[in-house]
Amino acid sequence: MRFALPFVLLALLVSVARSSHGSTWKGKGKAMLNPTTGRPVSSWGPAAKLSHEEMLALAEKHGFVDPAKAAAIAMRESGGHPDALVDTVGMTDAQLHQFWGPKYARTKLLQECSSGLWQINTLAFPQYDCEALKDPDFAAQAAFEISKGGTDWKAWGG
């Protein structure tokens, strides 16, 4: 029993260290800074993560025809992080492929600055502000407009 306590404490410390360092998504196992902007390619800030139930309530509040689908797309895109950001602005094809990995070797990757719960790409939709999209209500309204009320999810690949 006295030998187990140090191992439990060590496991707890490792767990806390990992969770407090989780602000950078790692593209295929590696963290990468955008050489143009100096920001992490994929990251999120200190905003509280929303649960699936909170995302569903947000989608219902904004009038999506299928709130469950809207919430599922937001969860897939951002993991529930309202301030999620993917910033590949100015990166070369080689840098994009280095970050996203071999799975996309034959894919033409586009630069993006996608922000918020629904990861709206402000290069494709310049009428939306990248920082404003970190507000869950603003992001929901933007996703509602882009998806035509939740009837057209082509911008999200569906």
Protein backbone atom coordinates (compact mmCIF):
# COMPACT_ATOMS: atom_id res chain seq x y z
CA MET A 1 0.00 0.00 0.00
CA ARG A 2 2.76 2.47 0.84
CA PHE A 3 4.31 1.86 -2.60
CA ALA A 4 1.04 2.58 -4.42
CA LEU A 5 0.68 6.13 -3.09
CA PRO A 6 3.69 7.57 -4.96
CA PHE A 7 2.45 6.02 -8.21
CA VAL A 8 -1.06 7.42 -7.70
CA LEU A 9 0.38 10.88 -7.02
CA LEU A 10 2.61 10.66 -10.09
CA ALA A 11 -0.34 9.62 -12.26
CA LEU A 12 -2.39 12.53 -10.89
CA LEU A 13 0.40 15.02 -11.61
CA VAL A 14 0.81 13.74 -15.17
CA SER A 15 -2.93 13.97 -15.72
CA VAL A 16 -3.09 17.56 -14.45
CA ALA A 17 -0.06 18.56 -16.52
CA ARG A 18 -1.62 17.11 -19.67
CA SER A 19 -5.01 18.75 -19.15
CA SER A 20 -3.52 22.17 -18.43
CA HIS A 21 -1.35 21.91 -21.55
CA GLY A 22 -4.24 20.98 -23.84
CA SER A 23 -4.61 24.34 -25.54
CA THR A 24 -2.94 23.31 -28.80
CA TRP A 25 -4.42 20.68 -31.06
CA LYS A 26 -1.77 18.52 -32.58
CA GLY A 27 -2.13 17.83 -36.27
CA LYS A 28 -1.31 14.16 -36.60
CA GLY A 29 0.74 14.11 -33.40
CA LYS A 30 2.70 17.34 -33.72
CA ALA A 31 2.13 20.93 -32.67
CA MET A 32 2.94 23.46 -35.37
CA LEU A 33 3.04 27.23 -35.52
CA ASN A 34 1.84 29.05 -38.60
CA PRO A 35 5.05 30.59 -39.97
CA THR A 36 3.10 33.57 -41.34
CA THR A 37 1.07 34.54 -38.26
CA GLY A 38 3.15 32.93 -35.50
CA ARG A 39 0.00 31.45 -33.95
CA PRO A 40 -0.60 27.73 -33.46
CA VAL A 41 -2.21 26.24 -36.56
CA SER A 42 -4.93 24.69 -34.38
CA SER A 43 -5.74 25.92 -30.92
CA TRP A 44 -8.37 27.00 -28.45
CA GLY A 45 -8.32 29.53 -25.68
CA PRO A 46 -9.59 29.70 -22.12
CA ALA A 47 -13.34 29.74 -22.84
CA ALA A 48 -15.32 26.97 -21.15
CA LYS A 49 -16.05 23.95 -23.34
CA LEU A 50 -19.72 23.46 -24.14
CA SER A 51 -21.35 20.07 -23.65
CA HIS A 52 -23.41 18.41 -26.36
CA GLU A 53 -26.55 19.35 -24.41
CA GLU A 54 -25.49 23.03 -24.32
CA MET A 55 -24.79 22.94 -28.06
CA LEU A 56 -28.20 21.39 -28.68
CA ALA A 57 -29.87 24.15 -26.62
CA LEU A 58 -27.92 26.78 -28.58
CA ALA A 59 -29.01 25.28 -31.91
CA GLU A 60 -32.63 25.14 -30.74
CA LYS A 61 -32.44 28.77 -29.56
CA HIS A 62 -31.28 29.88 -33.01
CA GLY A 63 -33.99 27.95 -34.86
CA PHE A 64 -32.10 25.28 -36.81
CA VAL A 65 -34.54 22.89 -38.52
CA ASP A 66 -32.57 19.96 -37.10
CA PRO A 67 -30.93 21.16 -33.88
CA ALA A 68 -29.42 17.73 -33.21
CA LYS A 69 -27.59 17.77 -36.55
CA ALA A 70 -26.43 21.38 -36.03
CA ALA A 71 -25.11 20.50 -32.57
CA ALA A 72 -23.38 17.35 -33.88
CA ILE A 73 -21.65 19.33 -36.63
CA ALA A 74 -20.49 21.97 -34.14
CA MET A 75 -19.21 19.27 -31.80
CA ARG A 76 -17.34 17.56 -34.66
CA GLU A 77 -15.86 20.86 -35.84
CA SER A 78 -14.72 22.36 -32.53
CA GLY A 79 -15.08 19.70 -29.86
CA GLY A 80 -17.31 22.18 -28.00
CA HIS A 81 -14.61 24.85 -27.71
CA PRO A 82 -16.21 28.24 -28.55
CA ASP A 83 -12.82 29.83 -29.17
CA ALA A 84 -11.41 27.07 -31.38
CA LEU A 85 -9.24 28.43 -34.18
CA VAL A 86 -7.59 26.86 -37.23
CA ASP A 87 -5.22 29.35 -38.84
CA THR A 88 -3.36 28.28 -41.99
CA VAL A 89 -3.34 31.72 -43.65
CA GLY A 90 -0.19 32.20 -45.72
CA MET A 91 1.03 28.61 -45.40
CA THR A 92 2.44 26.89 -48.48
CA ASP A 93 1.08 23.61 -49.85
CA ALA A 94 4.10 21.81 -48.39
CA GLN A 95 3.48 23.32 -44.93
CA LEU A 96 -0.22 22.44 -45.08
CA HIS A 97 0.57 18.84 -46.00
CA GLN A 98 3.21 18.65 -43.27
CA PHE A 99 0.63 19.69 -40.70
CA TRP A 100 -2.35 17.63 -41.88
CA GLY A 101 -0.28 14.55 -42.72
CA PRO A 102 -0.11 11.82 -45.38
CA LYS A 103 -3.84 11.12 -45.33
CA TYR A 104 -4.27 14.32 -47.37
CA ALA A 105 -1.23 13.86 -49.66
CA ARG A 106 -3.36 13.86 -52.82
CA THR A 107 -5.74 16.57 -51.66
CA LYS A 108 -5.53 20.24 -52.60
CA LEU A 109 -5.61 21.84 -49.18
CA LEU A 110 -6.94 25.35 -48.85
CA GLN A 111 -5.77 28.04 -46.51
CA GLU A 112 -8.27 28.86 -43.81
CA CYS A 113 -8.94 30.95 -40.78
CA SER A 114 -11.79 29.00 -39.21
CA SER A 115 -13.15 30.08 -35.88
CA GLY A 116 -15.79 29.23 -33.30
CA LEU A 117 -18.04 26.29 -32.56
CA TRP A 118 -18.93 25.67 -36.22
CA GLN A 119 -15.39 26.49 -37.46
CA ILE A 120 -16.59 29.07 -39.97
CA ASN A 121 -13.84 29.89 -42.46
CA THR A 122 -13.58 33.67 -42.62
CA LEU A 123 -11.65 33.44 -45.90
CA ALA A 124 -14.69 31.77 -47.50
CA PHE A 125 -17.18 33.90 -45.56
CA PRO A 126 -15.46 37.28 -45.07
CA GLN A 127 -18.64 38.90 -43.76
CA TYR A 128 -17.95 37.19 -40.42
CA ASP A 129 -15.24 38.34 -38.04
CA CYS A 130 -12.85 35.68 -36.74
CA GLU A 131 -12.88 37.06 -33.18
CA ALA A 132 -16.66 37.62 -33.12
CA LEU A 133 -17.17 33.96 -34.11
CA LYS A 134 -15.73 32.95 -30.74
CA ASP A 135 -19.03 34.10 -29.20
CA PRO A 136 -21.36 31.06 -29.23
CA ASP A 137 -24.47 33.09 -30.14
CA PHE A 138 -22.72 34.93 -32.97
CA ALA A 139 -21.30 31.64 -34.28
CA ALA A 140 -24.71 29.96 -34.11
CA GLN A 141 -26.34 32.82 -36.02
CA ALA A 142 -23.59 32.74 -38.66
CA ALA A 143 -23.90 28.95 -39.04
CA PHE A 144 -27.68 29.36 -39.28
CA GLU A 145 -27.29 31.92 -42.09
CA ILE A 146 -24.62 29.96 -44.00
CA SER A 147 -26.55 26.68 -43.72
CA LYS A 148 -29.86 28.32 -44.70
CA GLY A 149 -31.43 27.51 -41.36
CA GLY A 150 -29.77 24.11 -41.19
CA THR A 151 -31.02 22.87 -44.57
CA ASP A 152 -27.71 23.14 -46.48
CA TRP A 153 -24.52 21.85 -44.82
CA LYS A 154 -22.33 21.88 -47.97
CA ALA A 155 -19.92 24.36 -46.38
CA TRP A 156 -19.21 21.67 -43.78
CA GLY A 157 -18.82 18.91 -46.34
CA GLY A 158 -22.33 17.53 -46.03
